[in-house]
PDB file of all heavy atoms in Angstrom:
ATOM      1  N   ALA A   1      18.807   2.786  41.170  1.00  0.00           N
ATOM      2  CA  ALA A   1      20.137   3.163  41.562  1.00  0.00           C
ATOM      3  C   ALA A   1      20.846   3.942  40.473  1.00  0.00           C
ATOM      4  O   ALA A   1      20.784   3.540  39.320  1.00  0.00           O
ATOM      5  CB  ALA A   1      20.960   1.870  41.923  1.00  0.00           C
ATOM      6  N   PRO A   2      21.542   5.022  40.789  1.00  0.00           N
ATOM      7  CA  PRO A   2      22.222   5.819  39.779  1.00  0.00           C
ATOM      8  C   PRO A   2      23.287   5.004  38.998  1.00  0.00           C
ATOM      9  O   PRO A   2      23.645   5.330  37.883  1.00  0.00           O
ATOM     10  CB  PRO A   2      22.897   6.911  40.593  1.00  0.00           C
ATOM     11  CG  PRO A   2      22.037   7.038  41.813  1.00  0.00           C
ATOM     12  CD  PRO A   2      21.546   5.672  42.104  1.00  0.00           C
ATOM     13  N   SER A   3      23.745   3.888  39.636  1.00  0.00           N
ATOM     14  CA  SER A   3      24.767   3.066  39.007  1.00  0.00           C
ATOM     15  C   SER A   3      24.216   2.425  37.708  1.00  0.00           C
ATOM     16  O   SER A   3      24.989   1.860  36.880  1.00  0.00           O
ATOM     17  CB  SER A   3      25.253   1.967  39.963  1.00  0.00           C
ATOM     18  OG  SER A   3      24.225   1.181  40.385  1.00  0.00           O
ATOM     19  N   ASN A   4      22.916   2.413  37.491  1.00  0.00           N
ATOM     20  CA  ASN A   4      22.302   1.834  36.289  1.00  0.00           C
ATOM     21  C   ASN A   4      22.616   2.717  35.053  1.00  0.00           C
ATOM     22  O   ASN A   4      22.581   2.175  33.899  1.00  0.00           O
ATOM     23  CB  ASN A   4      20.769   1.737  36.432  1.00  0.00           C
ATOM     24  CG  ASN A   4      20.343   0.685  37.485  1.00  0.00           C
ATOM     25  OD1 ASN A   4      20.667  -0.461  37.337  1.00  0.00           O
ATOM     26  ND2 ASN A   4      19.628   1.135  38.496  1.00  0.00           N
ATOM     27  N   TYR A   5      22.809   4.000  35.208  1.00  0.00           N
ATOM     28  CA  TYR A   5      22.909   4.893  34.089  1.00  0.00           C
ATOM     29  C   TYR A   5      24.228   4.776  33.383  1.00  0.00           C
ATOM     30  O   TYR A   5      25.276   4.559  33.991  1.00  0.00           O
ATOM     31  CB  TYR A   5      22.713   6.340  34.566  1.00  0.00           C
ATOM     32  CG  TYR A   5      21.465   6.571  35.367  1.00  0.00           C
ATOM     33  CD1 TYR A   5      21.463   7.448  36.441  1.00  0.00           C
ATOM     34  CD2 TYR A   5      20.229   5.938  35.071  1.00  0.00           C
ATOM     35  CE1 TYR A   5      20.303   7.684  37.191  1.00  0.00           C
ATOM     36  CE2 TYR A   5      19.097   6.168  35.786  1.00  0.00           C
ATOM     37  CZ  TYR A   5      19.147   7.033  36.856  1.00  0.00           C
ATOM     38  OH  TYR A   5      18.007   7.233  37.599  1.00  0.00           O
ATOM     39  N   PRO A   6      24.196   4.868  32.034  1.00  0.00           N
ATOM     40  CA  PRO A   6      23.022   5.006  31.162  1.00  0.00           C
ATOM     41  C   PRO A   6      22.246   3.688  31.062  1.00  0.00           C
ATOM     42  O   PRO A   6      22.816   2.601  30.847  1.00  0.00           O
ATOM     43  CB  PRO A   6      23.645   5.400  29.810  1.00  0.00           C
ATOM     44  CG  PRO A   6      25.015   4.762  29.834  1.00  0.00           C
ATOM     45  CD  PRO A   6      25.444   4.802  31.245  1.00  0.00           C
ATOM     46  N   LEU A   7      20.918   3.820  31.129  1.00  0.00           N
ATOM     47  CA  LEU A   7      20.061   2.616  31.179  1.00  0.00           C
ATOM     48  C   LEU A   7      19.219   2.607  29.857  1.00  0.00           C
ATOM     49  O   LEU A   7      18.381   3.506  29.629  1.00  0.00           O
ATOM     50  CB  LEU A   7      19.110   2.694  32.356  1.00  0.00           C
ATOM     51  CG  LEU A   7      18.118   1.482  32.540  1.00  0.00           C
ATOM     52  CD1 LEU A   7      18.919   0.204  32.741  1.00  0.00           C
ATOM     53  CD2 LEU A   7      17.219   1.766  33.704  1.00  0.00           C
ATOM     54  N   GLY A   8      19.509   1.645  28.984  1.00  0.00           N
ATOM     55  CA  GLY A   8      18.800   1.507  27.756  1.00  0.00           C
ATOM     56  C   GLY A   8      19.752   1.469  26.556  1.00  0.00           C
ATOM     57  O   GLY A   8      20.926   1.741  26.687  1.00  0.00           O
ATOM     58  N   LYS A   9      19.185   1.216  25.384  1.00  0.00           N
ATOM     59  CA  LYS A   9      19.973   1.189  24.126  1.00  0.00           C
ATOM     60  C   LYS A   9      19.349   2.093  23.048  1.00  0.00           C
ATOM     61  O   LYS A   9      20.089   2.875  22.433  1.00  0.00           O
ATOM     62  CB  LYS A   9      20.113  -0.243  23.637  1.00  0.00           C
ATOM     63  CG  LYS A   9      20.842  -1.169  24.607  1.00  0.00           C
ATOM     64  CD  LYS A   9      20.903  -2.573  24.091  1.00  0.00           C
ATOM     65  CE  LYS A   9      21.612  -3.497  25.112  1.00  0.00           C
ATOM     66  NZ  LYS A   9      21.657  -4.889  24.624  1.00  0.00           N
ATOM     67  N   LYS A  10      18.038   1.936  22.897  1.00  0.00           N
ATOM     68  CA  LYS A  10      17.308   2.784  21.938  1.00  0.00           C
ATOM     69  C   LYS A  10      16.854   4.068  22.657  1.00  0.00           C
ATOM     70  O   LYS A  10      17.142   5.185  22.249  1.00  0.00           O
ATOM     71  CB  LYS A  10      16.127   2.053  21.344  1.00  0.00           C
ATOM     72  CG  LYS A  10      15.338   2.906  20.371  1.00  0.00           C
ATOM     73  CD  LYS A  10      14.116   2.183  19.885  1.00  0.00           C
ATOM     74  CE  LYS A  10      13.264   3.058  18.996  1.00  0.00           C
ATOM     75  NZ  LYS A  10      12.040   2.378  18.532  1.00  0.00           N
ATOM     76  N   ASP A  11      16.069   3.850  23.682  1.00  0.00           N
ATOM     77  CA  ASP A  11      15.673   5.018  24.581  1.00  0.00           C
ATOM     78  C   ASP A  11      16.524   4.870  25.876  1.00  0.00           C
ATOM     79  O   ASP A  11      16.442   3.841  26.565  1.00  0.00           O
ATOM     80  CB  ASP A  11      14.170   4.903  24.882  1.00  0.00           C
ATOM     81  CG  ASP A  11      13.294   5.122  23.681  1.00  0.00           C
ATOM     82  OD1 ASP A  11      13.684   5.924  22.827  1.00  0.00           O
ATOM     83  OD2 ASP A  11      12.315   4.374  23.554  1.00  0.00           O
ATOM     84  N   ILE A  12      17.223   5.896  26.168  1.00  0.00           N
ATOM     85  CA  ILE A  12      18.208   5.832  27.225  1.00  0.00           C
ATOM     86  C   ILE A  12      17.924   6.829  28.364  1.00  0.00           C
ATOM     87  O   ILE A  12      17.698   8.033  28.120  1.00  0.00           O
ATOM     88  CB  ILE A  12      19.663   6.052  26.707  1.00  0.00           C
ATOM     89  CG1 ILE A  12      19.959   5.067  25.574  1.00  0.00           C
ATOM     90  CG2 ILE A  12      20.694   5.930  27.822  1.00  0.00           C
ATOM     91  CD1 ILE A  12      21.244   5.372  24.864  1.00  0.00           C
ATOM     92  N   ILE A  13      17.864   6.316  29.588  1.00  0.00           N
ATOM     93  CA  ILE A  13      17.799   7.181  30.781  1.00  0.00           C
ATOM     94  C   ILE A  13      19.241   7.390  31.230  1.00  0.00           C
ATOM     95  O   ILE A  13      19.965   6.446  31.564  1.00  0.00           O
ATOM     96  CB  ILE A  13      16.944   6.491  31.921  1.00  0.00           C
ATOM     97  CG1 ILE A  13      15.563   6.264  31.458  1.00  0.00           C
ATOM     98  CG2 ILE A  13      17.013   7.392  33.145  1.00  0.00           C
ATOM     99  CD1 ILE A  13      14.720   5.534  32.456  1.00  0.00           C
ATOM    100  N   THR A  14      19.615   8.682  31.187  1.00  0.00           N
ATOM    101  CA  THR A  14      21.047   8.970  31.475  1.00  0.00           C
ATOM    102  C   THR A  14      21.310   9.495  32.878  1.00  0.00           C
ATOM    103  O   THR A  14      22.431   9.453  33.396  1.00  0.00           O
ATOM    104  CB  THR A  14      21.578  10.034  30.493  1.00  0.00           C
ATOM    105  OG1 THR A  14      20.725  11.213  30.606  1.00  0.00           O
ATOM    106  CG2 THR A  14      21.495   9.500  29.039  1.00  0.00           C
ATOM    107  N   GLU A  15      20.265   9.997  33.556  1.00  0.00           N
ATOM    108  CA  GLU A  15      20.457  10.561  34.881  1.00  0.00           C
ATOM    109  C   GLU A  15      19.133  10.794  35.557  1.00  0.00           C
ATOM    110  O   GLU A  15      18.087  10.545  34.983  1.00  0.00           O
ATOM    111  CB  GLU A  15      21.144  11.936  34.729  1.00  0.00           C
ATOM    112  CG  GLU A  15      20.388  12.943  33.929  1.00  0.00           C
ATOM    113  CD  GLU A  15      21.105  14.253  33.798  1.00  0.00           C
ATOM    114  OE1 GLU A  15      22.199  14.391  34.340  1.00  0.00           O
ATOM    115  OE2 GLU A  15      20.528  15.144  33.144  1.00  0.00           O
ATOM    116  N   GLY A  16      19.210  11.241  36.780  1.00  0.00           N
ATOM    117  CA  GLY A  16      18.010  11.638  37.477  1.00  0.00           C
ATOM    118  C   GLY A  16      17.603  10.763  38.632  1.00  0.00           C
ATOM    119  O   GLY A  16      18.017   9.605  38.748  1.00  0.00           O
ATOM    120  N   ASP A  17      16.869  11.373  39.568  1.00  0.00           N
ATOM    121  CA  ASP A  17      16.304  10.656  40.686  1.00  0.00           C
ATOM    122  C   ASP A  17      14.992  10.065  40.189  1.00  0.00           C
ATOM    123  O   ASP A  17      14.040  10.779  39.846  1.00  0.00           O
ATOM    124  CB  ASP A  17      16.021  11.615  41.851  1.00  0.00           C
ATOM    125  CG  ASP A  17      15.244  10.968  42.964  1.00  0.00           C
ATOM    126  OD1 ASP A  17      15.562   9.816  43.311  1.00  0.00           O
ATOM    127  OD2 ASP A  17      14.274  11.619  43.470  1.00  0.00           O
ATOM    128  N   ILE A  18      14.914   8.700  40.159  1.00  0.00           N
ATOM    129  CA  ILE A  18      13.722   8.015  39.599  1.00  0.00           C
ATOM    130  C   ILE A  18      13.115   7.074  40.603  1.00  0.00           C
ATOM    131  O   ILE A  18      13.547   5.895  40.678  1.00  0.00           O
ATOM    132  CB  ILE A  18      14.052   7.325  38.300  1.00  0.00           C
ATOM    133  CG1 ILE A  18      14.588   8.326  37.272  1.00  0.00           C
ATOM    134  CG2 ILE A  18      12.815   6.612  37.735  1.00  0.00           C
ATOM    135  CD1 ILE A  18      14.901   7.755  35.933  1.00  0.00           C
ATOM    136  N   PRO A  19      12.145   7.546  41.405  1.00  0.00           N
ATOM    137  CA  PRO A  19      11.444   6.594  42.306  1.00  0.00           C
ATOM    138  C   PRO A  19      10.664   5.571  41.444  1.00  0.00           C
ATOM    139  O   PRO A  19      10.103   5.916  40.411  1.00  0.00           O
ATOM    140  CB  PRO A  19      10.476   7.523  43.025  1.00  0.00           C
ATOM    141  CG  PRO A  19      11.116   8.869  43.008  1.00  0.00           C
ATOM    142  CD  PRO A  19      11.789   8.910  41.621  1.00  0.00           C
ATOM    143  N   VAL A  20      10.610   4.372  41.907  1.00  0.00           N
ATOM    144  CA  VAL A  20       9.908   3.294  41.215  1.00  0.00           C
ATOM    145  C   VAL A  20       8.801   2.722  42.060  1.00  0.00           C
ATOM    146  O   VAL A  20       7.899   1.996  41.550  1.00  0.00           O
ATOM    147  CB  VAL A  20      10.817   2.207  40.665  1.00  0.00           C
ATOM    148  CG1 VAL A  20      11.737   2.757  39.595  1.00  0.00           C
ATOM    149  CG2 VAL A  20      11.611   1.545  41.780  1.00  0.00           C
ATOM    150  N   VAL A  21       8.804   2.958  43.370  1.00  0.00           N
ATOM    151  CA  VAL A  21       7.732   2.535  44.264  1.00  0.00           C
ATOM    152  C   VAL A  21       7.538   3.671  45.291  1.00  0.00           C
ATOM    153  O   VAL A  21       8.471   4.107  45.917  1.00  0.00           O
ATOM    154  CB  VAL A  21       8.053   1.197  45.007  1.00  0.00           C
ATOM    155  CG1 VAL A  21       6.916   0.848  45.933  1.00  0.00           C
ATOM    156  CG2 VAL A  21       8.341   0.093  44.056  1.00  0.00           C
ATOM    157  N   TRP A  22       6.266   4.110  45.383  1.00  0.00           N
ATOM    158  CA  TRP A  22       5.994   5.126  46.372  1.00  0.00           C
ATOM    159  C   TRP A  22       4.502   5.102  46.744  1.00  0.00           C
ATOM    160  O   TRP A  22       3.648   4.482  46.125  1.00  0.00           O
ATOM    161  CB  TRP A  22       6.362   6.477  45.891  1.00  0.00           C
ATOM    162  CG  TRP A  22       5.557   7.076  44.777  1.00  0.00           C
ATOM    163  CD1 TRP A  22       4.374   7.764  44.930  1.00  0.00           C
ATOM    164  CD2 TRP A  22       5.849   7.102  43.389  1.00  0.00           C
ATOM    165  NE1 TRP A  22       3.916   8.196  43.670  1.00  0.00           N
ATOM    166  CE2 TRP A  22       4.814   7.732  42.706  1.00  0.00           C
ATOM    167  CE3 TRP A  22       6.860   6.491  42.622  1.00  0.00           C
ATOM    168  CZ2 TRP A  22       4.770   7.898  41.345  1.00  0.00           C
ATOM    169  CZ3 TRP A  22       6.853   6.660  41.242  1.00  0.00           C
ATOM    170  CH2 TRP A  22       5.823   7.320  40.595  1.00  0.00           C
ATOM    171  N   THR A  23       4.242   5.785  47.887  1.00  0.00           N
ATOM    172  CA  THR A  23       2.862   5.926  48.328  1.00  0.00           C
ATOM    173  C   THR A  23       2.585   7.401  48.610  1.00  0.00           C
ATOM    174  O   THR A  23       3.438   8.136  49.125  1.00  0.00           O
ATOM    175  CB  THR A  23       2.613   5.121  49.622  1.00  0.00           C
ATOM    176  OG1 THR A  23       1.223   5.313  50.041  1.00  0.00           O
ATOM    177  CG2 THR A  23       3.567   5.418  50.717  1.00  0.00           C
ATOM    178  N   ASN A  24       1.367   7.850  48.248  1.00  0.00           N
ATOM    179  CA  ASN A  24       0.873   9.196  48.625  1.00  0.00           C
ATOM    180  C   ASN A  24       0.193   8.941  50.032  1.00  0.00           C
ATOM    181  O   ASN A  24      -0.833   8.314  50.102  1.00  0.00           O
ATOM    182  CB  ASN A  24      -0.109   9.704  47.606  1.00  0.00           C
ATOM    183  CG  ASN A  24      -0.653  11.101  47.976  1.00  0.00           C
ATOM    184  OD1 ASN A  24      -0.565  11.532  49.094  1.00  0.00           O
ATOM    185  ND2 ASN A  24      -1.187  11.765  46.947  1.00  0.00           N
ATOM    186  N   THR A  25       0.764   9.524  51.001  1.00  0.00           N
ATOM    187  CA  THR A  25       0.324   9.270  52.382  1.00  0.00           C
ATOM    188  C   THR A  25      -1.060   9.790  52.710  1.00  0.00           C
ATOM    189  O   THR A  25      -1.642   9.497  53.741  1.00  0.00           O
ATOM    190  CB  THR A  25       1.309   9.745  53.406  1.00  0.00           C
ATOM    191  OG1 THR A  25       1.511  11.166  53.224  1.00  0.00           O
ATOM    192  CG2 THR A  25       2.658   9.072  53.239  1.00  0.00           C
ATOM    193  N   LYS A  26      -1.632  10.578  51.805  1.00  0.00           N
ATOM    194  CA  LYS A  26      -3.005  11.093  51.980  1.00  0.00           C
ATOM    195  C   LYS A  26      -4.017   9.996  51.653  1.00  0.00           C
ATOM    196  O   LYS A  26      -5.210  10.182  51.960  1.00  0.00           O
ATOM    197  CB  LYS A  26      -3.235  12.308  51.088  1.00  0.00           C
ATOM    198  CG  LYS A  26      -2.405  13.508  51.510  1.00  0.00           C
ATOM    199  CD  LYS A  26      -2.564  14.629  50.490  1.00  0.00           C
ATOM    200  CE  LYS A  26      -3.991  15.194  50.472  1.00  0.00           C
ATOM    201  NZ  LYS A  26      -4.102  16.356  49.527  1.00  0.00           N
ATOM    202  N   TYR A  27      -3.570   8.914  51.026  1.00  0.00           N
ATOM    203  CA  TYR A  27      -4.493   7.841  50.625  1.00  0.00           C
ATOM    204  C   TYR A  27      -3.868   6.470  51.020  1.00  0.00           C
ATOM    205  O   TYR A  27      -2.734   6.401  51.390  1.00  0.00           O
ATOM    206  CB  TYR A  27      -4.657   7.853  49.093  1.00  0.00           C
ATOM    207  CG  TYR A  27      -5.235   9.159  48.556  1.00  0.00           C
ATOM    208  CD1 TYR A  27      -4.411  10.173  48.087  1.00  0.00           C
ATOM    209  CD2 TYR A  27      -6.617   9.342  48.493  1.00  0.00           C
ATOM    210  CE1 TYR A  27      -4.923  11.338  47.612  1.00  0.00           C
ATOM    211  CE2 TYR A  27      -7.188  10.537  48.016  1.00  0.00           C
ATOM    212  CZ  TYR A  27      -6.277  11.550  47.552  1.00  0.00           C
ATOM    213  OH  TYR A  27      -6.830  12.707  47.049  1.00  0.00           O
ATOM    214  N   LYS A  28      -4.724   5.473  50.897  1.00  0.00           N
ATOM    215  CA  LYS A  28      -4.269   4.102  51.080  1.00  0.00           C
ATOM    216  C   LYS A  28      -3.905   3.590  49.722  1.00  0.00           C
ATOM    217  O   LYS A  28      -4.693   2.936  49.045  1.00  0.00           O
ATOM    218  CB  LYS A  28      -5.374   3.268  51.737  1.00  0.00           C
ATOM    219  CG  LYS A  28      -5.728   3.655  53.184  1.00  0.00           C
ATOM    220  CD  LYS A  28      -6.913   2.844  53.710  1.00  0.00           C
ATOM    221  CE  LYS A  28      -6.594   1.404  53.799  1.00  0.00           C
ATOM    222  NZ  LYS A  28      -7.710   0.622  54.404  1.00  0.00           N
TER     223      LYS A  28
END
């Protein structure tokens, strides 16, 4: 969720669309 940003203290994710679960439909 974008509401997490900025996420981190030392290494920080500040923005972006970040999928965390996905499937490539060409495979199982």
